[in-house]
Amino acid sequence: MFQLTTLTRPVYARLTEVRRRARSDAGYTTETIVVTALLAILGLTVAGVIVAKVTAKANGIDLGG
């Protein structure tokens, strides 16, 4: 008769492998989040500088009034 352990061994081995891989990729995920956050902050800063310069230039236009 087919035993239950014959089914559970491969499932347990696969589960162990998935857990091992999940632990080894944890640093990569954190690194990706930090780099993405830094790029977002840099992008917002650049956009703020551009908006400030355009606004200053627009306010400096003499409309003859």
N, C-alpha and C. Protein backbone atom coordinates (compact mmCIF):
# COMPACT_ATOMS: atom_id res chain seq x y z
N MET A 1 0.84 -1.18 0.00
CA MET A 1 0.00 0.00 0.00
C MET A 1 0.88 1.25 0.00
N PHE A 2 0.40 2.26 -0.65
CA PHE A 2 1.12 3.53 -0.79
C PHE A 2 1.09 4.27 0.54
N GLN A 3 2.26 4.61 1.07
CA GLN A 3 2.32 5.24 2.38
C GLN A 3 2.29 6.76 2.27
N LEU A 4 1.78 7.37 3.32
CA LEU A 4 1.68 8.83 3.36
C LEU A 4 3.06 9.48 3.36
N THR A 5 4.04 8.84 3.95
CA THR A 5 5.39 9.42 3.99
C THR A 5 5.98 9.54 2.59
N THR A 6 5.56 8.71 1.68
CA THR A 6 6.04 8.81 0.31
C THR A 6 5.60 10.12 -0.33
N LEU A 7 4.44 10.62 0.05
CA LEU A 7 3.95 11.90 -0.45
C LEU A 7 4.53 13.08 0.31
N THR A 8 4.69 12.92 1.61
CA THR A 8 5.09 14.06 2.41
C THR A 8 6.58 14.40 2.30
N ARG A 9 7.42 13.43 2.01
CA ARG A 9 8.86 13.72 1.90
C ARG A 9 9.18 14.74 0.82
N PRO A 10 8.71 14.59 -0.41
CA PRO A 10 9.02 15.61 -1.43
C PRO A 10 8.42 16.98 -1.10
N VAL A 11 7.24 16.99 -0.52
CA VAL A 11 6.61 18.26 -0.15
C VAL A 11 7.42 18.95 0.93
N TYR A 12 7.86 18.19 1.93
CA TYR A 12 8.67 18.75 3.00
C TYR A 12 10.02 19.26 2.45
N ALA A 13 10.62 18.52 1.54
CA ALA A 13 11.89 18.94 0.95
C ALA A 13 11.71 20.24 0.16
N ARG A 14 10.65 20.33 -0.58
CA ARG A 14 10.39 21.56 -1.36
C ARG A 14 10.11 22.75 -0.43
N LEU A 15 9.37 22.53 0.62
CA LEU A 15 9.08 23.58 1.59
C LEU A 15 10.38 24.07 2.25
N THR A 16 11.25 23.16 2.58
CA THR A 16 12.54 23.52 3.17
C THR A 16 13.36 24.35 2.20
N GLU A 17 13.37 23.98 0.94
CA GLU A 17 14.11 24.73 -0.09
C GLU A 17 13.53 26.13 -0.27
N VAL A 18 12.22 26.26 -0.28
CA VAL A 18 11.59 27.58 -0.42
C VAL A 18 11.93 28.47 0.77
N ARG A 19 11.91 27.92 1.96
CA ARG A 19 12.27 28.70 3.15
C ARG A 19 13.72 29.15 3.10
N ARG A 20 14.61 28.28 2.64
CA ARG A 20 16.03 28.62 2.55
C ARG A 20 16.24 29.75 1.55
N ARG A 21 15.59 29.68 0.42
CA ARG A 21 15.72 30.73 -0.59
C ARG A 21 15.13 32.05 -0.12
N ALA A 22 14.04 32.00 0.61
CA ALA A 22 13.40 33.21 1.12
C ALA A 22 14.32 33.93 2.09
N ARG A 23 15.03 33.20 2.91
CA ARG A 23 15.96 33.80 3.86
C ARG A 23 17.16 34.40 3.15
N SER A 24 17.66 33.76 2.13
CA SER A 24 18.86 34.24 1.46
C SER A 24 18.60 35.49 0.62
N ASP A 25 17.36 35.75 0.20
CA ASP A 25 17.03 36.92 -0.61
C ASP A 25 16.59 38.11 0.23
N ALA A 26 16.57 37.99 1.53
CA ALA A 26 16.06 39.06 2.38
C ALA A 26 16.88 40.33 2.26
N GLY A 27 18.19 40.23 2.17
CA GLY A 27 19.04 41.40 2.04
C GLY A 27 18.82 42.12 0.73
N TYR A 28 18.60 41.38 -0.33
CA TYR A 28 18.37 41.98 -1.63
C TYR A 28 17.09 42.81 -1.63
N THR A 29 16.08 42.32 -0.97
CA THR A 29 14.81 43.04 -0.91
C THR A 29 14.97 44.36 -0.15
N THR A 30 15.67 44.33 0.96
CA THR A 30 15.90 45.54 1.74
C THR A 30 16.72 46.54 0.94
N GLU A 31 17.74 46.05 0.27
CA GLU A 31 18.58 46.92 -0.56
C GLU A 31 17.75 47.58 -1.65
N THR A 32 16.89 46.85 -2.28
CA THR A 32 16.04 47.38 -3.34
C THR A 32 15.12 48.47 -2.80
N ILE A 33 14.55 48.26 -1.64
CA ILE A 33 13.66 49.26 -1.04
C ILE A 33 14.41 50.54 -0.73
N VAL A 34 15.61 50.42 -0.18
CA VAL A 34 16.40 51.61 0.16
C VAL A 34 16.79 52.38 -1.08
N VAL A 35 17.25 51.68 -2.11
CA VAL A 35 17.64 52.36 -3.35
C VAL A 35 16.43 53.02 -4.00
N THR A 36 15.30 52.37 -4.02
CA THR A 36 14.09 52.95 -4.60
C THR A 36 13.65 54.20 -3.83
N ALA A 37 13.73 54.14 -2.51
CA ALA A 37 13.36 55.31 -1.70
C ALA A 37 14.31 56.48 -1.98
N LEU A 38 15.60 56.21 -2.08
CA LEU A 38 16.57 57.28 -2.37
C LEU A 38 16.32 57.90 -3.75
N LEU A 39 16.01 57.06 -4.72
CA LEU A 39 15.73 57.59 -6.06
C LEU A 39 14.44 58.42 -6.07
N ALA A 40 13.45 58.01 -5.30
CA ALA A 40 12.21 58.79 -5.21
C ALA A 40 12.47 60.14 -4.56
N ILE A 41 13.26 60.16 -3.50
CA ILE A 41 13.59 61.43 -2.83
C ILE A 41 14.38 62.33 -3.78
N LEU A 42 15.32 61.76 -4.49
CA LEU A 42 16.11 62.54 -5.45
C LEU A 42 15.21 63.12 -6.54
N GLY A 43 14.28 62.33 -7.04
CA GLY A 43 13.36 62.80 -8.07
C GLY A 43 12.47 63.94 -7.58
N LEU A 44 11.96 63.82 -6.36
CA LEU A 44 11.13 64.89 -5.79
C LEU A 44 11.94 66.16 -5.57
N THR A 45 13.19 66.01 -5.17
CA THR A 45 14.06 67.17 -4.97
C THR A 45 14.31 67.89 -6.29
N VAL A 46 14.63 67.13 -7.32
CA VAL A 46 14.87 67.72 -8.64
C VAL A 46 13.61 68.41 -9.15
N ALA A 47 12.46 67.78 -8.98
CA ALA A 47 11.20 68.40 -9.42
C ALA A 47 10.94 69.69 -8.65
N GLY A 48 11.24 69.72 -7.36
CA GLY A 48 11.06 70.93 -6.56
C GLY A 48 11.96 72.06 -7.02
N VAL A 49 13.20 71.73 -7.35
CA VAL A 49 14.13 72.76 -7.84
C VAL A 49 13.65 73.32 -9.18
N ILE A 50 13.20 72.44 -10.06
CA ILE A 50 12.71 72.89 -11.37
C ILE A 50 11.49 73.78 -11.20
N VAL A 51 10.55 73.39 -10.36
CA VAL A 51 9.34 74.19 -10.14
C VAL A 51 9.71 75.55 -9.56
N ALA A 52 10.64 75.58 -8.61
CA ALA A 52 11.06 76.85 -8.01
C ALA A 52 11.70 77.76 -9.06
N LYS A 53 12.54 77.22 -9.92
CA LYS A 53 13.19 78.04 -10.95
C LYS A 53 12.19 78.55 -11.98
N VAL A 54 11.27 77.72 -12.39
CA VAL A 54 10.26 78.13 -13.37
C VAL A 54 9.35 79.19 -12.76
N THR A 55 8.95 79.00 -11.52
CA THR A 55 8.10 79.98 -10.84
C THR A 55 8.82 81.32 -10.69
N ALA A 56 10.08 81.29 -10.33
CA ALA A 56 10.85 82.52 -10.19
C ALA A 56 10.99 83.22 -11.52
N LYS A 57 11.23 82.47 -12.57
CA LYS A 57 11.35 83.06 -13.91
C LYS A 57 10.01 83.65 -14.35
N ALA A 58 8.92 82.94 -14.07
CA ALA A 58 7.60 83.45 -14.46
C ALA A 58 7.24 84.70 -13.69
N ASN A 59 7.59 84.77 -12.43
CA ASN A 59 7.33 85.96 -11.64
C ASN A 59 8.17 87.14 -12.08
N GLY A 60 9.29 86.90 -12.73
CA GLY A 60 10.17 87.96 -13.21
C GLY A 60 9.77 88.53 -14.56
N ILE A 61 8.77 87.98 -15.19
CA ILE A 61 8.33 88.48 -16.48
C ILE A 61 7.57 89.79 -16.31
N ASP A 62 7.96 90.82 -17.04
CA ASP A 62 7.28 92.11 -16.96
C ASP A 62 6.17 92.13 -18.01
N LEU A 63 4.94 92.25 -17.56
CA LEU A 63 3.80 92.26 -18.46
C LEU A 63 3.39 93.69 -18.85
N GLY A 64 4.17 94.66 -18.45
CA GLY A 64 3.89 96.06 -18.83
C GLY A 64 2.75 96.67 -18.05
N GLY A 65 2.44 96.16 -16.92
CA GLY A 65 1.30 96.64 -16.18
C GLY A 65 1.67 97.48 -15.06
